[in-house]
Amino acid sequence: ELKEMGAATICIKDMAGIMGPKEAYDLVSAIKDAVDLPIDLHT
């Protein structure tokens, strides 16, 4: 939906630092498969 709204990049904002390495790997992979946009991870 964000891509449709005009997002040029996607940010995953983990404001509490609770994302573990496996979650990061799986979520980034899933987003990469779904859209062709640069991904920024914030933790």
PDB file of all heavy atoms in Angstrom:
ATOM      1  N   GLU A   1       0.837  -1.215   0.000  1.00  0.00           N
ATOM      2  CA  GLU A   1       0.000   0.000   0.000  1.00  0.00           C
ATOM      3  C   GLU A   1       0.866   1.257   0.000  1.00  0.00           C
ATOM      4  O   GLU A   1       0.563   2.240  -0.672  1.00  0.00           O
ATOM      5  CB  GLU A   1      -0.921   0.007   1.229  1.00  0.00           C
ATOM      6  CG  GLU A   1      -2.061  -0.996   1.137  1.00  0.00           C
ATOM      7  CD  GLU A   1      -3.022  -0.836   2.310  1.00  0.00           C
ATOM      8  OE1 GLU A   1      -3.758   0.168   2.330  1.00  0.00           O
ATOM      9  OE2 GLU A   1      -3.042  -1.707   3.207  1.00  0.00           O
ATOM     10  N   LEU A   2       1.970   1.225   0.768  1.00  0.00           N
ATOM     11  CA  LEU A   2       2.857   2.392   0.839  1.00  0.00           C
ATOM     12  C   LEU A   2       3.508   2.661  -0.517  1.00  0.00           C
ATOM     13  O   LEU A   2       3.677   3.807  -0.924  1.00  0.00           O
ATOM     14  CB  LEU A   2       3.937   2.185   1.917  1.00  0.00           C
ATOM     15  CG  LEU A   2       3.420   2.144   3.360  1.00  0.00           C
ATOM     16  CD1 LEU A   2       4.533   1.785   4.323  1.00  0.00           C
ATOM     17  CD2 LEU A   2       2.795   3.484   3.765  1.00  0.00           C
ATOM     18  N   LYS A   3       3.866   1.582  -1.209  1.00  0.00           N
ATOM     19  CA  LYS A   3       4.459   1.755  -2.547  1.00  0.00           C
ATOM     20  C   LYS A   3       3.452   2.450  -3.470  1.00  0.00           C
ATOM     21  O   LYS A   3       3.804   3.351  -4.225  1.00  0.00           O
ATOM     22  CB  LYS A   3       4.886   0.405  -3.131  1.00  0.00           C
ATOM     23  CG  LYS A   3       5.625   0.582  -4.455  1.00  0.00           C
ATOM     24  CD  LYS A   3       6.073  -0.692  -5.111  1.00  0.00           C
ATOM     25  CE  LYS A   3       6.763  -0.358  -6.436  1.00  0.00           C
ATOM     26  NZ  LYS A   3       7.244  -1.541  -7.145  1.00  0.00           N
ATOM     27  N   GLU A   4       2.204   2.017  -3.395  1.00  0.00           N
ATOM     28  CA  GLU A   4       1.158   2.638  -4.221  1.00  0.00           C
ATOM     29  C   GLU A   4       0.973   4.121  -3.909  1.00  0.00           C
ATOM     30  O   GLU A   4       0.624   4.917  -4.763  1.00  0.00           O
ATOM     31  CB  GLU A   4      -0.173   1.911  -4.027  1.00  0.00           C
ATOM     32  CG  GLU A   4      -0.340   0.735  -4.978  1.00  0.00           C
ATOM     33  CD  GLU A   4      -1.633  -0.032  -4.733  1.00  0.00           C
ATOM     34  OE1 GLU A   4      -2.655   0.625  -4.465  1.00  0.00           O
ATOM     35  OE2 GLU A   4      -1.599  -1.273  -4.798  1.00  0.00           O
ATOM     36  N   MET A   5       1.233   4.485  -2.642  1.00  0.00           N
ATOM     37  CA  MET A   5       1.098   5.896  -2.239  1.00  0.00           C
ATOM     38  C   MET A   5       2.287   6.742  -2.673  1.00  0.00           C
ATOM     39  O   MET A   5       2.320   7.945  -2.429  1.00  0.00           O
ATOM     40  CB  MET A   5       0.966   5.984  -0.716  1.00  0.00           C
ATOM     41  CG  MET A   5      -0.369   5.574  -0.200  1.00  0.00           C
ATOM     42  SD  MET A   5      -0.342   5.698   1.613  1.00  0.00           S
ATOM     43  CE  MET A   5      -1.895   4.926   2.001  1.00  0.00           C
ATOM     44  N   GLY A   6       3.325   6.095  -3.218  1.00  0.00           N
ATOM     45  CA  GLY A   6       4.469   6.864  -3.702  1.00  0.00           C
ATOM     46  C   GLY A   6       5.741   6.708  -2.896  1.00  0.00           C
ATOM     47  O   GLY A   6       6.692   7.488  -3.065  1.00  0.00           O
ATOM     48  N   ALA A   7       5.786   5.728  -2.004  1.00  0.00           N
ATOM     49  CA  ALA A   7       7.020   5.520  -1.218  1.00  0.00           C
ATOM     50  C   ALA A   7       8.189   5.214  -2.158  1.00  0.00           C
ATOM     51  O   ALA A   7       8.083   4.365  -3.038  1.00  0.00           O
ATOM     52  CB  ALA A   7       6.824   4.368  -0.246  1.00  0.00           C
ATOM     53  N   ALA A   8       9.318   5.933  -1.971  1.00  0.00           N
ATOM     54  CA  ALA A   8      10.523   5.680  -2.769  1.00  0.00           C
ATOM     55  C   ALA A   8      11.439   4.711  -2.035  1.00  0.00           C
ATOM     56  O   ALA A   8      12.274   4.045  -2.632  1.00  0.00           O
ATOM     57  CB  ALA A   8      11.251   6.991  -3.036  1.00  0.00           C
ATOM     58  N   THR A   9      11.307   4.670  -0.706  1.00  0.00           N
ATOM     59  CA  THR A   9      12.037   3.688   0.107  1.00  0.00           C
ATOM     60  C   THR A   9      11.079   3.190   1.191  1.00  0.00           C
ATOM     61  O   THR A   9      10.071   3.841   1.485  1.00  0.00           O
ATOM     62  CB  THR A   9      13.291   4.289   0.804  1.00  0.00           C
ATOM     63  OG1 THR A   9      12.867   5.275   1.763  1.00  0.00           O
ATOM     64  CG2 THR A   9      14.255   4.936  -0.185  1.00  0.00           C
ATOM     65  N   ILE A  10      11.428   2.041   1.760  1.00  0.00           N
ATOM     66  CA  ILE A  10      10.643   1.486   2.872  1.00  0.00           C
ATOM     67  C   ILE A  10      11.546   1.464   4.102  1.00  0.00           C
ATOM     68  O   ILE A  10      12.700   1.050   4.029  1.00  0.00           O
ATOM     69  CB  ILE A  10      10.164   0.046   2.560  1.00  0.00           C
ATOM     70  CG1 ILE A  10       9.182   0.040   1.369  1.00  0.00           C
ATOM     71  CG2 ILE A  10       9.538  -0.618   3.795  1.00  0.00           C
ATOM     72  CD1 ILE A  10       7.866   0.765   1.583  1.00  0.00           C
ATOM     73  N   CYS A  11      11.012   1.943   5.214  1.00  0.00           N
ATOM     74  CA  CYS A  11      11.774   1.856   6.464  1.00  0.00           C
ATOM     75  C   CYS A  11      11.054   0.912   7.428  1.00  0.00           C
ATOM     76  O   CYS A  11       9.840   0.993   7.589  1.00  0.00           O
ATOM     77  CB  CYS A  11      11.898   3.236   7.104  1.00  0.00           C
ATOM     78  SG  CYS A  11      12.628   3.155   8.752  1.00  0.00           S
ATOM     79  N   ILE A  12      11.833   0.016   8.023  1.00  0.00           N
ATOM     80  CA  ILE A  12      11.301  -0.804   9.123  1.00  0.00           C
ATOM     81  C   ILE A  12      11.810  -0.140  10.389  1.00  0.00           C
ATOM     82  O   ILE A  12      13.015  -0.091  10.636  1.00  0.00           O
ATOM     83  CB  ILE A  12      11.817  -2.264   9.047  1.00  0.00           C
ATOM     84  CG1 ILE A  12      11.494  -2.888   7.685  1.00  0.00           C
ATOM     85  CG2 ILE A  12      11.226  -3.091  10.186  1.00  0.00           C
ATOM     86  CD1 ILE A  12      12.248  -4.187   7.402  1.00  0.00           C
ATOM     87  N   LYS A  13      10.890   0.404  11.157  1.00  0.00           N
ATOM     88  CA  LYS A  13      11.274   1.203  12.335  1.00  0.00           C
ATOM     89  C   LYS A  13      11.027   0.386  13.602  1.00  0.00           C
ATOM     90  O   LYS A  13       9.895   0.237  14.046  1.00  0.00           O
ATOM     91  CB  LYS A  13      10.438   2.491  12.345  1.00  0.00           C
ATOM     92  CG  LYS A  13      10.692   3.435  13.508  1.00  0.00           C
ATOM     93  CD  LYS A  13       9.830   4.671  13.317  1.00  0.00           C
ATOM     94  CE  LYS A  13       9.726   5.503  14.582  1.00  0.00           C
ATOM     95  NZ  LYS A  13      11.009   5.989  15.083  1.00  0.00           N
ATOM     96  N   ASP A  14      12.117  -0.153  14.144  1.00  0.00           N
ATOM     97  CA  ASP A  14      12.034  -0.965  15.356  1.00  0.00           C
ATOM     98  C   ASP A  14      12.437  -0.090  16.542  1.00  0.00           C
ATOM     99  O   ASP A  14      13.572  -0.110  17.000  1.00  0.00           O
ATOM    100  CB  ASP A  14      12.975  -2.178  15.204  1.00  0.00           C
ATOM    101  CG  ASP A  14      13.106  -2.977  16.487  1.00  0.00           C
ATOM    102  OD1 ASP A  14      12.192  -2.942  17.320  1.00  0.00           O
ATOM    103  OD2 ASP A  14      14.152  -3.641  16.668  1.00  0.00           O
ATOM    104  N   MET A  15      11.480   0.706  17.018  1.00  0.00           N
ATOM    105  CA  MET A  15      11.798   1.750  18.001  1.00  0.00           C
ATOM    106  C   MET A  15      12.173   1.216  19.375  1.00  0.00           C
ATOM    107  O   MET A  15      12.772   1.913  20.170  1.00  0.00           O
ATOM    108  CB  MET A  15      10.659   2.766  18.105  1.00  0.00           C
ATOM    109  CG  MET A  15       9.285   2.194  18.329  1.00  0.00           C
ATOM    110  SD  MET A  15       8.563   1.572  16.797  1.00  0.00           S
ATOM    111  CE  MET A  15       7.229   0.577  17.447  1.00  0.00           C
ATOM    112  N   ALA A  16      11.811  -0.033  19.659  1.00  0.00           N
ATOM    113  CA  ALA A  16      12.120  -0.566  20.996  1.00  0.00           C
ATOM    114  C   ALA A  16      13.306  -1.534  20.992  1.00  0.00           C
ATOM    115  O   ALA A  16      13.699  -2.042  22.035  1.00  0.00           O
ATOM    116  CB  ALA A  16      10.884  -1.261  21.561  1.00  0.00           C
ATOM    117  N   GLY A  17      13.887  -1.781  19.821  1.00  0.00           N
ATOM    118  CA  GLY A  17      15.032  -2.690  19.763  1.00  0.00           C
ATOM    119  C   GLY A  17      14.666  -4.133  20.061  1.00  0.00           C
ATOM    120  O   GLY A  17      15.460  -4.898  20.602  1.00  0.00           O
ATOM    121  N   ILE A  18      13.444  -4.517  19.668  1.00  0.00           N
ATOM    122  CA  ILE A  18      12.970  -5.872  20.010  1.00  0.00           C
ATOM    123  C   ILE A  18      13.081  -6.848  18.847  1.00  0.00           C
ATOM    124  O   ILE A  18      12.755  -8.015  18.979  1.00  0.00           O
ATOM    125  CB  ILE A  18      11.501  -5.834  20.486  1.00  0.00           C
ATOM    126  CG1 ILE A  18      10.631  -5.154  19.427  1.00  0.00           C
ATOM    127  CG2 ILE A  18      11.376  -5.141  21.839  1.00  0.00           C
ATOM    128  CD1 ILE A  18       9.153  -5.280  19.647  1.00  0.00           C
ATOM    129  N   MET A  19      13.531  -6.354  17.691  1.00  0.00           N
ATOM    130  CA  MET A  19      13.633  -7.242  16.533  1.00  0.00           C
ATOM    131  C   MET A  19      14.902  -8.089  16.628  1.00  0.00           C
ATOM    132  O   MET A  19      16.006  -7.553  16.732  1.00  0.00           O
ATOM    133  CB  MET A  19      13.661  -6.406  15.245  1.00  0.00           C
ATOM    134  CG  MET A  19      13.779  -7.250  13.989  1.00  0.00           C
ATOM    135  SD  MET A  19      13.963  -6.230  12.514  1.00  0.00           S
ATOM    136  CE  MET A  19      12.271  -5.956  12.112  1.00  0.00           C
ATOM    137  N   GLY A  20      14.726  -9.392  16.594  1.00  0.00           N
ATOM    138  CA  GLY A  20      15.870 -10.296  16.651  1.00  0.00           C
ATOM    139  C   GLY A  20      16.432 -10.569  15.266  1.00  0.00           C
ATOM    140  O   GLY A  20      15.798 -10.227  14.261  1.00  0.00           O
ATOM    141  N   PRO A  21      17.610 -11.203  15.170  1.00  0.00           N
ATOM    142  CA  PRO A  21      18.223 -11.442  13.864  1.00  0.00           C
ATOM    143  C   PRO A  21      17.367 -12.273  12.916  1.00  0.00           C
ATOM    144  O   PRO A  21      17.295 -11.999  11.730  1.00  0.00           O
ATOM    145  CB  PRO A  21      19.541 -12.141  14.207  1.00  0.00           C
ATOM    146  CG  PRO A  21      19.525 -12.433  15.658  1.00  0.00           C
ATOM    147  CD  PRO A  21      18.478 -11.591  16.285  1.00  0.00           C
ATOM    148  N   LYS A  22      16.680 -13.290  13.448  1.00  0.00           N
ATOM    149  CA  LYS A  22      15.854 -14.136  12.563  1.00  0.00           C
ATOM    150  C   LYS A  22      14.652 -13.349  12.021  1.00  0.00           C
ATOM    151  O   LYS A  22      14.322 -13.412  10.838  1.00  0.00           O
ATOM    152  CB  LYS A  22      15.386 -15.399  13.299  1.00  0.00           C
ATOM    153  CG  LYS A  22      14.509 -16.292  12.385  1.00  0.00           C
ATOM    154  CD  LYS A  22      14.220 -17.635  12.973  1.00  0.00           C
ATOM    155  CE  LYS A  22      13.230 -18.471  12.204  1.00  0.00           C
ATOM    156  NZ  LYS A  22      12.925 -18.135  10.831  1.00  0.00           N
ATOM    157  N   GLU A  23      14.016 -12.571  12.918  1.00  0.00           N
ATOM    158  CA  GLU A  23      12.871 -11.756  12.483  1.00  0.00           C
ATOM    159  C   GLU A  23      13.312 -10.771  11.395  1.00  0.00           C
ATOM    160  O   GLU A  23      12.607 -10.561  10.413  1.00  0.00           O
ATOM    161  CB  GLU A  23      12.301 -10.972  13.672  1.00  0.00           C
ATOM    162  CG  GLU A  23      11.599 -11.838  14.692  1.00  0.00           C
ATOM    163  CD  GLU A  23      11.550 -11.188  16.074  1.00  0.00           C
ATOM    164  OE1 GLU A  23      12.500 -10.491  16.468  1.00  0.00           O
ATOM    165  OE2 GLU A  23      10.544 -11.403  16.751  1.00  0.00           O
ATOM    166  N   ALA A  24      14.487 -10.172  11.598  1.00  0.00           N
ATOM    167  CA  ALA A  24      14.997  -9.199  10.622  1.00  0.00           C
ATOM    168  C   ALA A  24      15.216  -9.882   9.275  1.00  0.00           C
ATOM    169  O   ALA A  24      14.786  -9.375   8.228  1.00  0.00           O
ATOM    170  CB  ALA A  24      16.299  -8.586  11.117  1.00  0.00           C
ATOM    171  N   TYR A  25      15.865 -11.037   9.303  1.00  0.00           N
ATOM    172  CA  TYR A  25      16.167 -11.762   8.065  1.00  0.00           C
ATOM    173  C   TYR A  25      14.858 -12.125   7.341  1.00  0.00           C
ATOM    174  O   TYR A  25      14.710 -11.900   6.138  1.00  0.00           O
ATOM    175  CB  TYR A  25      16.976 -13.029   8.370  1.00  0.00           C
ATOM    176  CG  TYR A  25      17.452 -13.736   7.120  1.00  0.00           C
ATOM    177  CD1 TYR A  25      18.670 -13.386   6.520  1.00  0.00           C
ATOM    178  CD2 TYR A  25      16.682 -14.722   6.512  1.00  0.00           C
ATOM    179  CE1 TYR A  25      19.104 -14.007   5.361  1.00  0.00           C
ATOM    180  CE2 TYR A  25      17.102 -15.349   5.343  1.00  0.00           C
ATOM    181  CZ  TYR A  25      18.317 -14.988   4.773  1.00  0.00           C
ATOM    182  OH  TYR A  25      18.735 -15.597   3.614  1.00  0.00           O
ATOM    183  N   ASP A  26      13.915 -12.666   8.083  1.00  0.00           N
ATOM    184  CA  ASP A  26      12.659 -13.124   7.474  1.00  0.00           C
ATOM    185  C   ASP A  26      11.809 -11.966   6.939  1.00  0.00           C
ATOM    186  O   ASP A  26      11.247 -12.040   5.849  1.00  0.00           O
ATOM    187  CB  ASP A  26      11.828 -13.935   8.489  1.00  0.00           C
ATOM    188  CG  ASP A  26      12.499 -15.265   8.835  1.00  0.00           C
ATOM    189  OD1 ASP A  26      13.452 -15.645   8.123  1.00  0.00           O
ATOM    190  OD2 ASP A  26      12.069 -15.905   9.822  1.00  0.00           O
ATOM    191  N   LEU A  27      11.727 -10.870   7.737  1.00  0.00           N
ATOM    192  CA  LEU A  27      10.884  -9.746   7.310  1.00  0.00           C
ATOM    193  C   LEU A  27      11.496  -9.021   6.113  1.00  0.00           C
ATOM    194  O   LEU A  27      10.797  -8.700   5.143  1.00  0.00           O
ATOM    195  CB  LEU A  27      10.647  -8.769   8.477  1.00  0.00           C
ATOM    196  CG  LEU A  27       9.722  -7.587   8.176  1.00  0.00           C
ATOM    197  CD1 LEU A  27       8.363  -8.044   7.647  1.00  0.00           C
ATOM    198  CD2 LEU A  27       9.524  -6.711   9.406  1.00  0.00           C
ATOM    199  N   VAL A  28      12.810  -8.770   6.165  1.00  0.00           N
ATOM    200  CA  VAL A  28      13.473  -8.098   5.033  1.00  0.00           C
ATOM    201  C   VAL A  28      13.325  -8.951   3.775  1.00  0.00           C
ATOM    202  O   VAL A  28      12.994  -8.446   2.695  1.00  0.00           O
ATOM    203  CB  VAL A  28      14.965  -7.801   5.342  1.00  0.00           C
ATOM    204  CG1 VAL A  28      15.712  -7.337   4.086  1.00  0.00           C
ATOM    205  CG2 VAL A  28      15.079  -6.738   6.436  1.00  0.00           C
ATOM    206  N   SER A  29      13.519 -10.273   3.907  1.00  0.00           N
ATOM    207  CA  SER A  29      13.366 -11.171   2.749  1.00  0.00           C
ATOM    208  C   SER A  29      11.950 -11.098   2.178  1.00  0.00           C
ATOM    209  O   SER A  29      11.753 -11.016   0.957  1.00  0.00           O
ATOM    210  CB  SER A  29      13.672 -12.624   3.141  1.00  0.00           C
ATOM    211  OG  SER A  29      14.979 -12.731   3.644  1.00  0.00           O
ATOM    212  N   ALA A  30      10.960 -11.104   3.069  1.00  0.00           N
ATOM    213  CA  ALA A  30       9.557 -11.068   2.627  1.00  0.00           C
ATOM    214  C   ALA A  30       9.239  -9.757   1.895  1.00  0.00           C
ATOM    215  O   ALA A  30       8.564  -9.755   0.861  1.00  0.00           O
ATOM    216  CB  ALA A  30       8.625 -11.235   3.828  1.00  0.00           C
ATOM    217  N   ILE A  31       9.772  -8.632   2.424  1.00  0.00           N
ATOM    218  CA  ILE A  31       9.514  -7.334   1.783  1.00  0.00           C
ATOM    219  C   ILE A  31      10.247  -7.251   0.444  1.00  0.00           C
ATOM    220  O   ILE A  31       9.701  -6.774  -0.552  1.00  0.00           O
ATOM    221  CB  ILE A  31       9.902  -6.161   2.726  1.00  0.00           C
ATOM    222  CG1 ILE A  31       8.979  -6.155   3.951  1.00  0.00           C
ATOM    223  CG2 ILE A  31       9.819  -4.825   1.995  1.00  0.00           C
ATOM    224  CD1 ILE A  31       9.378  -5.180   5.041  1.00  0.00           C
ATOM    225  N   LYS A  32      11.473  -7.742   0.413  1.00  0.00           N
ATOM    226  CA  LYS A  32      12.262  -7.740  -0.835  1.00  0.00           C
ATOM    227  C   LYS A  32      11.555  -8.546  -1.927  1.00  0.00           C
ATOM    228  O   LYS A  32      11.596  -8.197  -3.100  1.00  0.00           O
ATOM    229  CB  LYS A  32      13.666  -8.314  -0.593  1.00  0.00           C
ATOM    230  CG  LYS A  32      14.657  -7.319   0.007  1.00  0.00           C
ATOM    231  CD  LYS A  32      15.192  -6.384  -1.061  1.00  0.00           C
ATOM    232  CE  LYS A  32      16.131  -5.334  -0.504  1.00  0.00           C
ATOM    233  NZ  LYS A  32      16.450  -4.285  -1.474  1.00  0.00           N
ATOM    234  N   ASP A  33      10.925  -9.636  -1.528  1.00  0.00           N
ATOM    235  CA  ASP A  33      10.188 -10.461  -2.495  1.00  0.00           C
ATOM    236  C   ASP A  33       8.943  -9.735  -3.012  1.00  0.00           C
ATOM    237  O   ASP A  33       8.504  -9.966  -4.139  1.00  0.00           O
ATOM    238  CB  ASP A  33       9.736 -11.792  -1.856  1.00  0.00           C
ATOM    239  CG  ASP A  33      10.914 -12.752  -1.674  1.00  0.00           C
ATOM    240  OD1 ASP A  33      11.960 -12.520  -2.307  1.00  0.00           O
ATOM    241  OD2 ASP A  33      10.770 -13.712  -0.888  1.00  0.00           O
ATOM    242  N   ALA A  34       8.388  -8.860  -2.169  1.00  0.00           N
ATOM    243  CA  ALA A  34       7.104  -8.223  -2.509  1.00  0.00           C
ATOM    244  C   ALA A  34       7.255  -6.938  -3.311  1.00  0.00           C
ATOM    245  O   ALA A  34       6.441  -6.652  -4.190  1.00  0.00           O
ATOM    246  CB  ALA A  34       6.319  -7.945  -1.228  1.00  0.00           C
ATOM    247  N   VAL A  35       8.274  -6.131  -2.988  1.00  0.00           N
ATOM    248  CA  VAL A  35       8.458  -4.845  -3.693  1.00  0.00           C
ATOM    249  C   VAL A  35       9.921  -4.616  -4.029  1.00  0.00           C
ATOM    250  O   VAL A  35      10.811  -5.039  -3.296  1.00  0.00           O
ATOM    251  CB  VAL A  35       7.940  -3.630  -2.855  1.00  0.00           C
ATOM    252  CG1 VAL A  35       6.455  -3.695  -2.631  1.00  0.00           C
ATOM    253  CG2 VAL A  35       8.687  -3.483  -1.537  1.00  0.00           C
ATOM    254  N   ASP A  36      10.147  -3.895  -5.113  1.00  0.00           N
ATOM    255  CA  ASP A  36      11.517  -3.603  -5.521  1.00  0.00           C
ATOM    256  C   ASP A  36      11.872  -2.182  -5.090  1.00  0.00           C
ATOM    257  O   ASP A  36      11.924  -1.272  -5.911  1.00  0.00           O
ATOM    258  CB  ASP A  36      11.630  -3.777  -7.043  1.00  0.00           C
ATOM    259  CG  ASP A  36      13.070  -3.575  -7.519  1.00  0.00           C
ATOM    260  OD1 ASP A  36      13.978  -3.732  -6.683  1.00  0.00           O
ATOM    261  OD2 ASP A  36      13.273  -3.236  -8.695  1.00  0.00           O
ATOM    262  N   LEU A  37      12.041  -1.994  -3.782  1.00  0.00           N
ATOM    263  CA  LEU A  37      12.385  -0.667  -3.253  1.00  0.00           C
ATOM    264  C   LEU A  37      13.536  -0.813  -2.265  1.00  0.00           C
ATOM    265  O   LEU A  37      13.643  -1.849  -1.596  1.00  0.00           O
ATOM    266  CB  LEU A  37      11.186  -0.060  -2.507  1.00  0.00           C
ATOM    267  CG  LEU A  37       9.968   0.395  -3.318  1.00  0.00           C
ATOM    268  CD1 LEU A  37       8.869   0.865  -2.379  1.00  0.00           C
ATOM    269  CD2 LEU A  37      10.325   1.515  -4.294  1.00  0.00           C
ATOM    270  N   PRO A  38      14.401   0.203  -2.126  1.00  0.00           N
ATOM    271  CA  PRO A  38      15.447   0.128  -1.098  1.00  0.00           C
ATOM    272  C   PRO A  38      14.811   0.043   0.287  1.00  0.00           C
ATOM    273  O   PRO A  38      13.793   0.700   0.552  1.00  0.00           O
ATOM    274  CB  PRO A  38      16.207   1.447  -1.257  1.00  0.00           C
ATOM    275  CG  PRO A  38      15.835   1.970  -2.609  1.00  0.00           C
ATOM    276  CD  PRO A  38      14.466   1.451  -2.898  1.00  0.00           C
ATOM    277  N   ILE A  39      15.405  -0.772   1.161  1.00  0.00           N
ATOM    278  CA  ILE A  39      14.887  -0.922   2.531  1.00  0.00           C
ATOM    279  C   ILE A  39      15.909  -0.387   3.524  1.00  0.00           C
ATOM    280  O   ILE A  39      17.099  -0.693   3.452  1.00  0.00           O
ATOM    281  CB  ILE A  39      14.583  -2.399   2.870  1.00  0.00           C
ATOM    282  CG1 ILE A  39      13.557  -2.971   1.879  1.00  0.00           C
ATOM    283  CG2 ILE A  39      14.051  -2.537   4.294  1.00  0.00           C
ATOM    284  CD1 ILE A  39      13.259  -4.452   2.103  1.00  0.00           C
ATOM    285  N   ASP A  40      15.383   0.420   4.451  1.00  0.00           N
ATOM    286  CA  ASP A  40      16.196   0.984   5.531  1.00  0.00           C
ATOM    287  C   ASP A  40      15.719   0.335   6.826  1.00  0.00           C
ATOM    288  O   ASP A  40      14.516   0.280   7.086  1.00  0.00           O
ATOM    289  CB  ASP A  40      15.943   2.503   5.559  1.00  0.00           C
ATOM    290  CG  ASP A  40      16.751   3.247   6.614  1.00  0.00           C
ATOM    291  OD1 ASP A  40      17.031   2.667   7.674  1.00  0.00           O
ATOM    292  OD2 ASP A  40      17.068   4.430   6.377  1.00  0.00           O
ATOM    293  N   LEU A  41      16.646  -0.173   7.617  1.00  0.00           N
ATOM    294  CA  LEU A  41      16.267  -0.739   8.919  1.00  0.00           C
ATOM    295  C   LEU A  41      16.750   0.178  10.031  1.00  0.00           C
ATOM    296  O   LEU A  41      17.906   0.607  10.050  1.00  0.00           O
ATOM    297  CB  LEU A  41      16.856  -2.148   9.097  1.00  0.00           C
ATOM    298  CG  LEU A  41      16.550  -2.842  10.444  1.00  0.00           C
ATOM    299  CD1 LEU A  41      15.063  -2.957  10.712  1.00  0.00           C
ATOM    300  CD2 LEU A  41      17.182  -4.236  10.484  1.00  0.00           C
ATOM    301  N   HIS A  42      15.833   0.485  10.939  1.00  0.00           N
ATOM    302  CA  HIS A  42      16.129   1.351  12.078  1.00  0.00           C
ATOM    303  C   HIS A  42      15.853   0.548  13.340  1.00  0.00           C
ATOM    304  O   HIS A  42      14.756   0.014  13.518  1.00  0.00           O
ATOM    305  CB  HIS A  42      15.208   2.576  12.029  1.00  0.00           C
ATOM    306  CG  HIS A  42      15.243   3.429  13.257  1.00  0.00           C
ATOM    307  ND1 HIS A  42      16.051   4.543  13.358  1.00  0.00           N
ATOM    308  CD2 HIS A  42      14.588   3.328  14.441  1.00  0.00           C
ATOM    309  CE1 HIS A  42      15.878   5.090  14.561  1.00  0.00           C
ATOM    310  NE2 HIS A  42      14.997   4.371  15.234  1.00  0.00           N
ATOM    311  N   THR A  43      16.841   0.443  14.219  1.00  0.00           N
ATOM    312  CA  THR A  43      16.597  -0.235  15.498  1.00  0.00           C
ATOM    313  C   THR A  43      17.354   0.489  16.608  1.00  0.00           C
ATOM    314  O   THR A  43      17.997   1.507  16.376  1.00  0.00           O
ATOM    315  CB  THR A  43      16.977  -1.741  15.415  1.00  0.00           C
ATOM    316  OG1 THR A  43      16.550  -2.384  16.616  1.00  0.00           O
ATOM    317  CG2 THR A  43      18.473  -1.966  15.256  1.00  0.00           C
TER     318      THR A  43
END
